[in-house]
Amino acid sequence: MLRHVVLFRRKPDVERDKVLERSLFARMRGLGSQIAAIQSWRVAANELQRPPITWDLILESEVTDVEALDAYLFHPLHQALVQDLRTYYEWAAVDYTV
């Protein structure tokens, strides 16, 4: 199994928009059930804000292998979400074997 972890935070030059945040969060949470390659999917919001060391959201997912990760990453639903996330969030990702 391969675990894909992504941390998200609002871009420093973007004004906070709670309605947009809720919408993006809901879309992120729902994506895991819409892509067959995903074995496990968790999205959570940070409960303790301690800038500059904290991030706003975490996504933890698991797939069977690199091919499955690519199937997820290049899936049209994921790509559409990425386009919308890109305007509001910056992120960092880590992939590792479990």
N, C-alpha and C. Protein backbone atom coordinates (compact mmCIF):
# COMPACT_ATOMS: atom_id res chain seq x y z
N MET A 1 0.84 -1.19 0.00
CA MET A 1 0.00 0.00 0.00
C MET A 1 0.88 1.25 0.00
N LEU A 2 0.35 2.27 -0.60
CA LEU A 2 1.04 3.56 -0.67
C LEU A 2 0.14 4.60 0.00
N ARG A 3 0.70 5.33 0.93
CA ARG A 3 -0.05 6.39 1.61
C ARG A 3 0.33 7.73 0.98
N HIS A 4 -0.68 8.52 0.68
CA HIS A 4 -0.53 9.84 0.08
C HIS A 4 -1.08 10.85 1.09
N VAL A 5 -0.22 11.72 1.60
CA VAL A 5 -0.60 12.70 2.61
C VAL A 5 -0.37 14.10 2.03
N VAL A 6 -1.38 14.95 2.16
CA VAL A 6 -1.27 16.31 1.65
C VAL A 6 -1.71 17.28 2.75
N LEU A 7 -0.89 18.29 2.99
CA LEU A 7 -1.23 19.37 3.92
C LEU A 7 -1.57 20.62 3.11
N PHE A 8 -2.65 21.29 3.50
CA PHE A 8 -3.12 22.48 2.79
C PHE A 8 -3.16 23.67 3.75
N ARG A 9 -2.81 24.84 3.21
CA ARG A 9 -3.05 26.07 3.96
C ARG A 9 -3.40 27.18 2.98
N ARG A 10 -4.20 28.09 3.49
CA ARG A 10 -4.62 29.22 2.67
C ARG A 10 -3.40 30.02 2.26
N LYS A 11 -3.38 30.43 1.01
CA LYS A 11 -2.27 31.24 0.52
C LYS A 11 -2.23 32.55 1.32
N PRO A 12 -1.04 33.02 1.66
CA PRO A 12 -0.92 34.21 2.50
C PRO A 12 -1.52 35.47 1.88
N ASP A 13 -1.57 35.54 0.57
CA ASP A 13 -2.09 36.75 -0.10
C ASP A 13 -3.57 36.65 -0.45
N VAL A 14 -4.26 35.61 0.04
CA VAL A 14 -5.67 35.41 -0.27
C VAL A 14 -6.50 35.71 0.98
N GLU A 15 -7.53 36.53 0.80
CA GLU A 15 -8.42 36.86 1.92
C GLU A 15 -9.26 35.64 2.30
N ARG A 16 -9.47 35.45 3.59
CA ARG A 16 -10.23 34.30 4.07
C ARG A 16 -11.67 34.36 3.60
N ASP A 17 -12.18 33.22 3.13
CA ASP A 17 -13.56 33.10 2.65
C ASP A 17 -14.13 31.81 3.23
N LYS A 18 -14.87 31.92 4.32
CA LYS A 18 -15.36 30.73 5.02
C LYS A 18 -16.34 29.92 4.18
N VAL A 19 -17.13 30.58 3.36
CA VAL A 19 -18.07 29.86 2.49
C VAL A 19 -17.30 29.02 1.48
N LEU A 20 -16.29 29.60 0.86
CA LEU A 20 -15.46 28.86 -0.09
C LEU A 20 -14.74 27.72 0.62
N GLU A 21 -14.21 27.96 1.80
CA GLU A 21 -13.52 26.91 2.56
C GLU A 21 -14.45 25.73 2.81
N ARG A 22 -15.68 26.00 3.23
CA ARG A 22 -16.63 24.91 3.49
C ARG A 22 -16.95 24.14 2.22
N SER A 23 -17.11 24.84 1.13
CA SER A 23 -17.41 24.20 -0.15
C SER A 23 -16.26 23.30 -0.61
N LEU A 24 -15.04 23.83 -0.56
CA LEU A 24 -13.88 23.04 -0.97
C LEU A 24 -13.69 21.84 -0.05
N PHE A 25 -13.87 22.04 1.25
CA PHE A 25 -13.73 20.95 2.22
C PHE A 25 -14.75 19.85 1.92
N ALA A 26 -15.98 20.22 1.65
CA ALA A 26 -17.02 19.22 1.34
C ALA A 26 -16.68 18.46 0.06
N ARG A 27 -16.19 19.15 -0.94
CA ARG A 27 -15.79 18.47 -2.18
C ARG A 27 -14.63 17.53 -1.93
N MET A 28 -13.67 17.97 -1.12
CA MET A 28 -12.53 17.10 -0.80
C MET A 28 -13.00 15.84 -0.08
N ARG A 29 -13.88 16.00 0.90
CA ARG A 29 -14.35 14.84 1.67
C ARG A 29 -15.09 13.85 0.78
N GLY A 30 -15.84 14.34 -0.18
CA GLY A 30 -16.62 13.46 -1.04
C GLY A 30 -15.84 12.78 -2.14
N LEU A 31 -14.68 13.29 -2.46
CA LEU A 31 -13.91 12.76 -3.59
C LEU A 31 -13.48 11.32 -3.40
N GLY A 32 -13.16 10.93 -2.18
CA GLY A 32 -12.66 9.59 -1.92
C GLY A 32 -13.60 8.48 -2.35
N SER A 33 -14.89 8.71 -2.28
CA SER A 33 -15.86 7.68 -2.66
C SER A 33 -16.16 7.69 -4.15
N GLN A 34 -15.61 8.64 -4.89
CA GLN A 34 -15.92 8.78 -6.30
C GLN A 34 -14.83 8.24 -7.23
N ILE A 35 -13.70 7.85 -6.67
CA ILE A 35 -12.58 7.38 -7.50
C ILE A 35 -12.21 5.97 -7.04
N ALA A 36 -12.34 5.01 -7.94
CA ALA A 36 -12.18 3.60 -7.60
C ALA A 36 -10.77 3.25 -7.10
N ALA A 37 -9.76 3.96 -7.52
CA ALA A 37 -8.38 3.63 -7.14
C ALA A 37 -8.10 3.87 -5.66
N ILE A 38 -8.94 4.66 -5.00
CA ILE A 38 -8.70 5.03 -3.61
C ILE A 38 -9.21 3.94 -2.68
N GLN A 39 -8.32 3.44 -1.81
CA GLN A 39 -8.67 2.41 -0.84
C GLN A 39 -9.12 3.00 0.50
N SER A 40 -8.50 4.11 0.87
CA SER A 40 -8.79 4.76 2.15
C SER A 40 -8.70 6.26 1.93
N TRP A 41 -9.58 7.02 2.63
CA TRP A 41 -9.64 8.47 2.38
C TRP A 41 -10.09 9.18 3.65
N ARG A 42 -9.29 10.12 4.12
CA ARG A 42 -9.63 10.92 5.29
C ARG A 42 -9.23 12.38 5.03
N VAL A 43 -10.14 13.27 5.34
CA VAL A 43 -9.87 14.70 5.24
C VAL A 43 -10.29 15.32 6.57
N ALA A 44 -9.43 16.16 7.13
CA ALA A 44 -9.75 16.80 8.41
C ALA A 44 -9.22 18.22 8.43
N ALA A 45 -9.89 19.05 9.22
CA ALA A 45 -9.46 20.43 9.42
C ALA A 45 -8.66 20.51 10.72
N ASN A 46 -7.64 21.34 10.71
CA ASN A 46 -6.82 21.55 11.89
C ASN A 46 -7.66 22.23 12.98
N GLU A 47 -7.61 21.70 14.17
CA GLU A 47 -8.38 22.25 15.28
C GLU A 47 -7.61 23.28 16.10
N LEU A 48 -6.29 23.29 15.98
CA LEU A 48 -5.45 24.22 16.74
C LEU A 48 -4.64 25.06 15.77
N GLN A 49 -4.98 26.31 15.65
CA GLN A 49 -4.27 27.20 14.74
C GLN A 49 -3.13 27.88 15.47
N ARG A 50 -1.90 27.53 15.05
CA ARG A 50 -0.70 28.13 15.65
C ARG A 50 0.27 28.54 14.55
N PRO A 51 -0.12 29.55 13.77
CA PRO A 51 0.77 29.97 12.69
C PRO A 51 2.13 30.36 13.24
N PRO A 52 3.19 30.24 12.52
CA PRO A 52 3.26 29.82 11.12
C PRO A 52 3.49 28.32 10.93
N ILE A 53 3.47 27.54 12.00
CA ILE A 53 3.85 26.13 11.86
C ILE A 53 2.70 25.20 11.50
N THR A 54 1.47 25.66 11.61
CA THR A 54 0.34 24.77 11.34
C THR A 54 -0.21 24.96 9.93
N TRP A 55 -0.89 23.93 9.47
CA TRP A 55 -1.57 23.95 8.19
C TRP A 55 -3.07 23.85 8.47
N ASP A 56 -3.89 24.19 7.49
CA ASP A 56 -5.34 24.26 7.70
C ASP A 56 -6.05 22.91 7.57
N LEU A 57 -5.63 22.11 6.60
CA LEU A 57 -6.30 20.84 6.30
C LEU A 57 -5.28 19.74 6.08
N ILE A 58 -5.72 18.50 6.30
CA ILE A 58 -4.91 17.34 5.96
C ILE A 58 -5.76 16.36 5.17
N LEU A 59 -5.16 15.78 4.17
CA LEU A 59 -5.76 14.70 3.40
C LEU A 59 -4.84 13.50 3.54
N GLU A 60 -5.39 12.37 3.98
CA GLU A 60 -4.64 11.12 4.06
C GLU A 60 -5.39 10.09 3.23
N SER A 61 -4.72 9.53 2.25
CA SER A 61 -5.35 8.51 1.43
C SER A 61 -4.39 7.36 1.23
N GLU A 62 -4.95 6.21 0.89
CA GLU A 62 -4.15 5.04 0.59
C GLU A 62 -4.62 4.43 -0.72
N VAL A 63 -3.64 4.00 -1.49
CA VAL A 63 -3.88 3.31 -2.76
C VAL A 63 -2.98 2.09 -2.79
N THR A 64 -3.24 1.18 -3.71
CA THR A 64 -2.47 -0.06 -3.74
C THR A 64 -1.04 0.12 -4.22
N ASP A 65 -0.82 1.02 -5.18
CA ASP A 65 0.52 1.16 -5.76
C ASP A 65 0.62 2.48 -6.52
N VAL A 66 1.77 2.69 -7.15
CA VAL A 66 2.01 3.94 -7.88
C VAL A 66 1.02 4.12 -9.03
N GLU A 67 0.69 3.03 -9.70
CA GLU A 67 -0.27 3.11 -10.81
C GLU A 67 -1.63 3.59 -10.31
N ALA A 68 -2.05 3.09 -9.15
CA ALA A 68 -3.33 3.52 -8.57
C ALA A 68 -3.25 4.99 -8.15
N LEU A 69 -2.10 5.40 -7.62
CA LEU A 69 -1.93 6.80 -7.25
C LEU A 69 -2.06 7.69 -8.49
N ASP A 70 -1.42 7.28 -9.57
CA ASP A 70 -1.53 8.05 -10.81
C ASP A 70 -2.97 8.08 -11.33
N ALA A 71 -3.68 6.95 -11.20
CA ALA A 71 -5.09 6.91 -11.63
C ALA A 71 -5.90 7.93 -10.85
N TYR A 72 -5.63 8.05 -9.57
CA TYR A 72 -6.31 9.05 -8.73
C TYR A 72 -5.87 10.46 -9.10
N LEU A 73 -4.56 10.69 -9.16
CA LEU A 73 -4.05 12.04 -9.40
C LEU A 73 -4.51 12.62 -10.73
N PHE A 74 -4.62 11.77 -11.75
CA PHE A 74 -4.98 12.26 -13.08
C PHE A 74 -6.46 12.07 -13.40
N HIS A 75 -7.23 11.61 -12.43
CA HIS A 75 -8.67 11.43 -12.62
C HIS A 75 -9.31 12.81 -12.85
N PRO A 76 -10.26 12.92 -13.79
CA PRO A 76 -10.87 14.22 -14.08
C PRO A 76 -11.52 14.90 -12.87
N LEU A 77 -12.13 14.14 -11.97
CA LEU A 77 -12.73 14.75 -10.78
C LEU A 77 -11.67 15.37 -9.87
N HIS A 78 -10.54 14.67 -9.74
CA HIS A 78 -9.44 15.20 -8.94
C HIS A 78 -8.86 16.44 -9.60
N GLN A 79 -8.65 16.37 -10.90
CA GLN A 79 -8.07 17.51 -11.61
C GLN A 79 -8.96 18.75 -11.51
N ALA A 80 -10.28 18.57 -11.57
CA ALA A 80 -11.20 19.70 -11.44
C ALA A 80 -11.10 20.32 -10.05
N LEU A 81 -11.01 19.48 -9.03
CA LEU A 81 -10.87 19.99 -7.67
C LEU A 81 -9.54 20.71 -7.49
N VAL A 82 -8.48 20.16 -8.04
CA VAL A 82 -7.16 20.80 -7.95
C VAL A 82 -7.20 22.21 -8.53
N GLN A 83 -7.88 22.38 -9.65
CA GLN A 83 -7.97 23.71 -10.27
C GLN A 83 -8.62 24.72 -9.32
N ASP A 84 -9.65 24.28 -8.61
CA ASP A 84 -10.32 25.18 -7.67
C ASP A 84 -9.50 25.39 -6.40
N LEU A 85 -8.87 24.34 -5.91
CA LEU A 85 -8.03 24.45 -4.71
C LEU A 85 -6.85 25.39 -4.96
N ARG A 86 -6.31 25.35 -6.15
CA ARG A 86 -5.11 26.11 -6.49
C ARG A 86 -5.31 27.62 -6.30
N THR A 87 -6.53 28.11 -6.44
CA THR A 87 -6.76 29.55 -6.30
C THR A 87 -6.73 30.00 -4.84
N TYR A 88 -6.91 29.06 -3.91
CA TYR A 88 -7.07 29.42 -2.50
C TYR A 88 -5.99 28.85 -1.58
N TYR A 89 -5.55 27.64 -1.89
CA TYR A 89 -4.62 26.93 -1.01
C TYR A 89 -3.27 26.70 -1.68
N GLU A 90 -2.24 26.59 -0.85
CA GLU A 90 -0.97 26.01 -1.25
C GLU A 90 -0.88 24.68 -0.51
N TRP A 91 -0.06 23.75 -1.00
CA TRP A 91 0.00 22.46 -0.34
C TRP A 91 1.36 21.81 -0.50
N ALA A 92 1.56 20.81 0.36
CA ALA A 92 2.76 19.98 0.34
C ALA A 92 2.30 18.53 0.47
N ALA A 93 2.94 17.65 -0.28
CA ALA A 93 2.52 16.24 -0.29
C ALA A 93 3.70 15.32 0.02
N VAL A 94 3.36 14.18 0.64
CA VAL A 94 4.33 13.13 0.93
C VAL A 94 3.67 11.80 0.56
N ASP A 95 4.42 10.93 -0.11
CA ASP A 95 3.95 9.60 -0.46
C ASP A 95 4.94 8.58 0.10
N TYR A 96 4.41 7.55 0.78
CA TYR A 96 5.30 6.53 1.35
C TYR A 96 4.59 5.19 1.44
N THR A 97 5.38 4.14 1.51
CA THR A 97 4.85 2.78 1.58
C THR A 97 4.46 2.44 3.01
N VAL A 98 3.30 1.79 3.16
CA VAL A 98 2.85 1.33 4.48
C VAL A 98 2.67 -0.17 4.46
